[in-house]
Amino acid sequence: MQHIEALLQSLFIMSSMVEARDTYTGGHLWRVGQFSRLLAGAAGLSRQEVARISITGLIGNKLWY
């Protein structure tokens, strides 16, 4: 479980670094991750699926740029 926490921390730090260089959209990745989490939870997905979708929302958005 400790390795998962370290991975999540690393992903969060990387997404924060991406947002830090773009002040216009600051906080966007966090909001996308939170909104993704809420939608997945409302759709009745499992906790594991909700977590996976939340992480993808957090980092996946900037991967397309």
PDB file of N, CA and C in Angstrom:
ATOM      1  N   MET A   1       0.823  -1.201   0.000  1.00  0.00           N
ATOM      2  CA  MET A   1       0.000   0.000   0.000  1.00  0.00           C
ATOM      3  C   MET A   1       0.862   1.260   0.000  1.00  0.00           C
ATOM      4  N   GLN A   2       2.027   1.172   0.601  1.00  0.00           N
ATOM      5  CA  GLN A   2       2.906   2.331   0.682  1.00  0.00           C
ATOM      6  C   GLN A   2       3.392   2.755  -0.704  1.00  0.00           C
ATOM      7  N   HIS A   3       3.629   1.783  -1.593  1.00  0.00           N
ATOM      8  CA  HIS A   3       4.082   2.121  -2.937  1.00  0.00           C
ATOM      9  C   HIS A   3       2.983   2.830  -3.733  1.00  0.00           C
ATOM     10  N   ILE A   4       1.746   2.500  -3.456  1.00  0.00           N
ATOM     11  CA  ILE A   4       0.634   3.175  -4.141  1.00  0.00           C
ATOM     12  C   ILE A   4       0.547   4.625  -3.689  1.00  0.00           C
ATOM     13  N   GLU A   5       0.720   4.856  -2.405  1.00  0.00           N
ATOM     14  CA  GLU A   5       0.701   6.227  -1.892  1.00  0.00           C
ATOM     15  C   GLU A   5       1.834   7.046  -2.491  1.00  0.00           C
ATOM     16  N   ALA A   6       3.009   6.442  -2.631  1.00  0.00           N
ATOM     17  CA  ALA A   6       4.157   7.142  -3.226  1.00  0.00           C
ATOM     18  C   ALA A   6       3.878   7.471  -4.693  1.00  0.00           C
ATOM     19  N   LEU A   7       3.268   6.534  -5.401  1.00  0.00           N
ATOM     20  CA  LEU A   7       2.913   6.775  -6.800  1.00  0.00           C
ATOM     21  C   LEU A   7       1.910   7.916  -6.918  1.00  0.00           C
ATOM     22  N   LEU A   8       0.882   7.896  -6.084  1.00  0.00           N
ATOM     23  CA  LEU A   8      -0.122   8.959  -6.119  1.00  0.00           C
ATOM     24  C   LEU A   8       0.485  10.317  -5.794  1.00  0.00           C
ATOM     25  N   GLN A   9       1.385  10.340  -4.838  1.00  0.00           N
ATOM     26  CA  GLN A   9       2.070  11.578  -4.485  1.00  0.00           C
ATOM     27  C   GLN A   9       2.873  12.096  -5.665  1.00  0.00           C
ATOM     28  N   SER A  10       3.574  11.202  -6.336  1.00  0.00           N
ATOM     29  CA  SER A  10       4.376  11.593  -7.500  1.00  0.00           C
ATOM     30  C   SER A  10       3.492  12.147  -8.610  1.00  0.00           C
ATOM     31  N   LEU A  11       2.376  11.486  -8.868  1.00  0.00           N
ATOM     32  CA  LEU A  11       1.460  11.959  -9.906  1.00  0.00           C
ATOM     33  C   LEU A  11       0.893  13.332  -9.568  1.00  0.00           C
ATOM     34  N   PHE A  12       0.557  13.528  -8.309  1.00  0.00           N
ATOM     35  CA  PHE A  12       0.027  14.818  -7.888  1.00  0.00           C
ATOM     36  C   PHE A  12       1.078  15.908  -8.037  1.00  0.00           C
ATOM     37  N   ILE A  13       2.308  15.607  -7.672  1.00  0.00           N
ATOM     38  CA  ILE A  13       3.397  16.589  -7.796  1.00  0.00           C
ATOM     39  C   ILE A  13       3.628  16.941  -9.262  1.00  0.00           C
ATOM     40  N   MET A  14       3.631  15.928 -10.137  1.00  0.00           N
ATOM     41  CA  MET A  14       3.831  16.197 -11.556  1.00  0.00           C
ATOM     42  C   MET A  14       2.708  17.055 -12.126  1.00  0.00           C
ATOM     43  N   SER A  15       1.476  16.756 -11.759  1.00  0.00           N
ATOM     44  CA  SER A  15       0.366  17.557 -12.268  1.00  0.00           C
ATOM     45  C   SER A  15       0.429  18.982 -11.719  1.00  0.00           C
ATOM     46  N   SER A  16       0.881  19.130 -10.486  1.00  0.00           N
ATOM     47  CA  SER A  16       1.038  20.468  -9.903  1.00  0.00           C
ATOM     48  C   SER A  16       2.111  21.260 -10.633  1.00  0.00           C
ATOM     49  N   MET A  17       3.181  20.577 -11.042  1.00  0.00           N
ATOM     50  CA  MET A  17       4.247  21.238 -11.788  1.00  0.00           C
ATOM     51  C   MET A  17       3.740  21.717 -13.145  1.00  0.00           C
ATOM     52  N   VAL A  18       2.931  20.911 -13.782  1.00  0.00           N
ATOM     53  CA  VAL A  18       2.364  21.305 -15.081  1.00  0.00           C
ATOM     54  C   VAL A  18       1.476  22.531 -14.900  1.00  0.00           C
ATOM     55  N   GLU A  19       0.660  22.529 -13.879  1.00  0.00           N
ATOM     56  CA  GLU A  19      -0.229  23.659 -13.642  1.00  0.00           C
ATOM     57  C   GLU A  19       0.527  24.911 -13.225  1.00  0.00           C
ATOM     58  N   ALA A  20       1.642  24.755 -12.542  1.00  0.00           N
ATOM     59  CA  ALA A  20       2.400  25.907 -12.070  1.00  0.00           C
ATOM     60  C   ALA A  20       2.939  26.736 -13.233  1.00  0.00           C
ATOM     61  N   ARG A  21       3.233  26.096 -14.343  1.00  0.00           N
ATOM     62  CA  ARG A  21       3.772  26.850 -15.477  1.00  0.00           C
ATOM     63  C   ARG A  21       2.665  27.492 -16.317  1.00  0.00           C
ATOM     64  N   ASP A  22       1.436  27.156 -16.050  1.00  0.00           N
ATOM     65  CA  ASP A  22       0.310  27.718 -16.797  1.00  0.00           C
ATOM     66  C   ASP A  22      -0.672  28.338 -15.813  1.00  0.00           C
ATOM     67  N   THR A  23      -0.449  29.581 -15.451  1.00  0.00           N
ATOM     68  CA  THR A  23      -1.265  30.228 -14.424  1.00  0.00           C
ATOM     69  C   THR A  23      -2.699  30.471 -14.887  1.00  0.00           C
ATOM     70  N   TYR A  24      -2.922  30.532 -16.181  1.00  0.00           N
ATOM     71  CA  TYR A  24      -4.268  30.788 -16.698  1.00  0.00           C
ATOM     72  C   TYR A  24      -5.228  29.658 -16.339  1.00  0.00           C
ATOM     73  N   THR A  25      -4.741  28.425 -16.376  1.00  0.00           N
ATOM     74  CA  THR A  25      -5.605  27.276 -16.102  1.00  0.00           C
ATOM     75  C   THR A  25      -5.303  26.629 -14.755  1.00  0.00           C
ATOM     76  N   GLY A  26      -4.635  27.336 -13.869  1.00  0.00           N
ATOM     77  CA  GLY A  26      -4.292  26.793 -12.561  1.00  0.00           C
ATOM     78  C   GLY A  26      -5.499  26.219 -11.836  1.00  0.00           C
ATOM     79  N   GLY A  27      -5.370  25.016 -11.303  1.00  0.00           N
ATOM     80  CA  GLY A  27      -6.443  24.356 -10.589  1.00  0.00           C
ATOM     81  C   GLY A  27      -7.342  23.514 -11.481  1.00  0.00           C
ATOM     82  N   HIS A  28      -7.162  23.636 -12.793  1.00  0.00           N
ATOM     83  CA  HIS A  28      -8.022  22.906 -13.724  1.00  0.00           C
ATOM     84  C   HIS A  28      -7.899  21.398 -13.554  1.00  0.00           C
ATOM     85  N   LEU A  29      -6.672  20.898 -13.463  1.00  0.00           N
ATOM     86  CA  LEU A  29      -6.469  19.449 -13.335  1.00  0.00           C
ATOM     87  C   LEU A  29      -7.119  18.917 -12.068  1.00  0.00           C
ATOM     88  N   TRP A  30      -6.994  19.654 -10.980  1.00  0.00           N
ATOM     89  CA  TRP A  30      -7.595  19.231  -9.720  1.00  0.00           C
ATOM     90  C   TRP A  30      -9.113  19.176  -9.863  1.00  0.00           C
ATOM     91  N   ARG A  31      -9.688  20.215 -10.494  1.00  0.00           N
ATOM     92  CA  ARG A  31     -11.145  20.240 -10.665  1.00  0.00           C
ATOM     93  C   ARG A  31     -11.627  19.098 -11.554  1.00  0.00           C
ATOM     94  N   VAL A  32     -10.886  18.804 -12.615  1.00  0.00           N
ATOM     95  CA  VAL A  32     -11.260  17.693 -13.494  1.00  0.00           C
ATOM     96  C   VAL A  32     -11.217  16.375 -12.722  1.00  0.00           C
ATOM     97  N   GLY A  33     -10.168  16.198 -11.906  1.00  0.00           N
ATOM     98  CA  GLY A  33     -10.065  14.986 -11.095  1.00  0.00           C
ATOM     99  C   GLY A  33     -11.211  14.838 -10.111  1.00  0.00           C
ATOM    100  N   GLN A  34     -11.577  15.931  -9.463  1.00  0.00           N
ATOM    101  CA  GLN A  34     -12.668  15.903  -8.491  1.00  0.00           C
ATOM    102  C   GLN A  34     -14.013  15.658  -9.171  1.00  0.00           C
ATOM    103  N   PHE A  35     -14.231  16.322 -10.291  1.00  0.00           N
ATOM    104  CA  PHE A  35     -15.482  16.137 -11.015  1.00  0.00           C
ATOM    105  C   PHE A  35     -15.590  14.702 -11.535  1.00  0.00           C
ATOM    106  N   SER A  36     -14.472  14.162 -12.013  1.00  0.00           N
ATOM    107  CA  SER A  36     -14.453  12.769 -12.481  1.00  0.00           C
ATOM    108  C   SER A  36     -14.800  11.816 -11.350  1.00  0.00           C
ATOM    109  N   ARG A  37     -14.244  12.092 -10.159  1.00  0.00           N
ATOM    110  CA  ARG A  37     -14.514  11.257  -8.986  1.00  0.00           C
ATOM    111  C   ARG A  37     -15.996  11.297  -8.618  1.00  0.00           C
ATOM    112  N   LEU A  38     -16.573  12.484  -8.628  1.00  0.00           N
ATOM    113  CA  LEU A  38     -17.989  12.626  -8.288  1.00  0.00           C
ATOM    114  C   LEU A  38     -18.889  11.902  -9.294  1.00  0.00           C
ATOM    115  N   LEU A  39     -18.584  12.042 -10.574  1.00  0.00           N
ATOM    116  CA  LEU A  39     -19.385  11.364 -11.599  1.00  0.00           C
ATOM    117  C   LEU A  39     -19.272   9.851 -11.488  1.00  0.00           C
ATOM    118  N   ALA A  40     -18.049   9.366 -11.271  1.00  0.00           N
ATOM    119  CA  ALA A  40     -17.849   7.922 -11.159  1.00  0.00           C
ATOM    120  C   ALA A  40     -18.579   7.370  -9.933  1.00  0.00           C
ATOM    121  N   GLY A  41     -18.529   8.110  -8.830  1.00  0.00           N
ATOM    122  CA  GLY A  41     -19.243   7.684  -7.628  1.00  0.00           C
ATOM    123  C   GLY A  41     -20.748   7.673  -7.835  1.00  0.00           C
ATOM    124  N   ALA A  42     -21.253   8.700  -8.507  1.00  0.00           N
ATOM    125  CA  ALA A  42     -22.690   8.782  -8.775  1.00  0.00           C
ATOM    126  C   ALA A  42     -23.147   7.681  -9.736  1.00  0.00           C
ATOM    127  N   ALA A  43     -22.219   7.213 -10.565  1.00  0.00           N
ATOM    128  CA  ALA A  43     -22.556   6.143 -11.508  1.00  0.00           C
ATOM    129  C   ALA A  43     -22.558   4.775 -10.837  1.00  0.00           C
ATOM    130  N   GLY A  44     -22.173   4.736  -9.559  1.00  0.00           N
ATOM    131  CA  GLY A  44     -22.206   3.484  -8.812  1.00  0.00           C
ATOM    132  C   GLY A  44     -21.015   2.569  -9.057  1.00  0.00           C
ATOM    133  N   LEU A  45     -19.918   3.138  -9.515  1.00  0.00           N
ATOM    134  CA  LEU A  45     -18.727   2.322  -9.755  1.00  0.00           C
ATOM    135  C   LEU A  45     -18.065   1.932  -8.441  1.00  0.00           C
ATOM    136  N   SER A  46     -17.236   0.907  -8.490  1.00  0.00           N
ATOM    137  CA  SER A  46     -16.539   0.438  -7.289  1.00  0.00           C
ATOM    138  C   SER A  46     -15.529   1.487  -6.825  1.00  0.00           C
ATOM    139  N   ARG A  47     -15.090   1.387  -5.582  1.00  0.00           N
ATOM    140  CA  ARG A  47     -14.100   2.331  -5.039  1.00  0.00           C
ATOM    141  C   ARG A  47     -12.827   2.331  -5.868  1.00  0.00           C
ATOM    142  N   GLN A  48     -12.414   1.156  -6.312  1.00  0.00           N
ATOM    143  CA  GLN A  48     -11.192   1.050  -7.114  1.00  0.00           C
ATOM    144  C   GLN A  48     -11.363   1.766  -8.460  1.00  0.00           C
ATOM    145  N   GLU A  49     -12.516   1.580  -9.086  1.00  0.00           N
ATOM    146  CA  GLU A  49     -12.779   2.249 -10.363  1.00  0.00           C
ATOM    147  C   GLU A  49     -12.887   3.761 -10.188  1.00  0.00           C
ATOM    148  N   VAL A  50     -13.503   4.196  -9.105  1.00  0.00           N
ATOM    149  CA  VAL A  50     -13.612   5.628  -8.820  1.00  0.00           C
ATOM    150  C   VAL A  50     -12.219   6.228  -8.647  1.00  0.00           C
ATOM    151  N   ALA A  51     -11.360   5.549  -7.908  1.00  0.00           N
ATOM    152  CA  ALA A  51      -9.995   6.041  -7.701  1.00  0.00           C
ATOM    153  C   ALA A  51      -9.233   6.110  -9.016  1.00  0.00           C
ATOM    154  N   ARG A  52      -9.367   5.082  -9.825  1.00  0.00           N
ATOM    155  CA  ARG A  52      -8.674   5.049 -11.114  1.00  0.00           C
ATOM    156  C   ARG A  52      -9.141   6.193 -12.008  1.00  0.00           C
ATOM    157  N   ILE A  53     -10.428   6.432 -12.060  1.00  0.00           N
ATOM    158  CA  ILE A  53     -10.976   7.498 -12.897  1.00  0.00           C
ATOM    159  C   ILE A  53     -10.564   8.864 -12.369  1.00  0.00           C
ATOM    160  N   SER A  54     -10.544   9.015 -11.062  1.00  0.00           N
ATOM    161  CA  SER A  54     -10.131  10.280 -10.461  1.00  0.00           C
ATOM    162  C   SER A  54      -8.681  10.608 -10.816  1.00  0.00           C
ATOM    163  N   ILE A  55      -7.822   9.618 -10.752  1.00  0.00           N
ATOM    164  CA  ILE A  55      -6.408   9.824 -11.097  1.00  0.00           C
ATOM    165  C   ILE A  55      -6.266  10.155 -12.575  1.00  0.00           C
ATOM    166  N   THR A  56      -6.998   9.438 -13.395  1.00  0.00           N
ATOM    167  CA  THR A  56      -6.934   9.697 -14.837  1.00  0.00           C
ATOM    168  C   THR A  56      -7.421  11.102 -15.148  1.00  0.00           C
ATOM    169  N   GLY A  57      -8.453  11.547 -14.468  1.00  0.00           N
ATOM    170  CA  GLY A  57      -8.933  12.915 -14.655  1.00  0.00           C
ATOM    171  C   GLY A  57      -7.896  13.929 -14.219  1.00  0.00           C
ATOM    172  N   LEU A  58      -7.161  13.608 -13.184  1.00  0.00           N
ATOM    173  CA  LEU A  58      -6.142  14.521 -12.655  1.00  0.00           C
ATOM    174  C   LEU A  58      -4.971  14.677 -13.604  1.00  0.00           C
ATOM    175  N   ILE A  59      -4.497  13.577 -14.174  1.00  0.00           N
ATOM    176  CA  ILE A  59      -3.298  13.666 -15.009  1.00  0.00           C
ATOM    177  C   ILE A  59      -3.591  13.576 -16.502  1.00  0.00           C
ATOM    178  N   GLY A  60      -4.670  12.934 -16.882  1.00  0.00           N
ATOM    179  CA  GLY A  60      -4.920  12.661 -18.285  1.00  0.00           C
ATOM    180  C   GLY A  60      -5.228  13.877 -19.116  1.00  0.00           C
ATOM    181  N   ASN A  61      -5.826  14.885 -18.517  1.00  0.00           N
ATOM    182  CA  ASN A  61      -6.230  16.055 -19.260  1.00  0.00           C
ATOM    183  C   ASN A  61      -5.050  16.738 -19.919  1.00  0.00           C
ATOM    184  N   LYS A  62      -3.944  16.906 -19.228  1.00  0.00           N
ATOM    185  CA  LYS A  62      -2.778  17.590 -19.775  1.00  0.00           C
ATOM    186  C   LYS A  62      -1.958  16.714 -20.712  1.00  0.00           C
ATOM    187  N   LEU A  63      -2.198  15.419 -20.735  1.00  0.00           N
ATOM    188  CA  LEU A  63      -1.453  14.549 -21.631  1.00  0.00           C
ATOM    189  C   LEU A  63      -1.833  14.795 -23.084  1.00  0.00           C
ATOM    190  N   TRP A  64      -2.951  15.429 -23.321  1.00  0.00           N
ATOM    191  CA  TRP A  64      -3.416  15.669 -24.687  1.00  0.00           C
ATOM    192  C   TRP A  64      -2.845  16.944 -25.269  1.00  0.00           C
ATOM    193  N   TYR A  65      -2.143  17.735 -24.483  1.00  0.00           N
ATOM    194  CA  TYR A  65      -1.588  19.001 -24.985  1.00  0.00           C
ATOM    195  C   TYR A  65      -0.178  18.824 -25.453  1.00  0.00           C
TER     196      TYR A  65
END
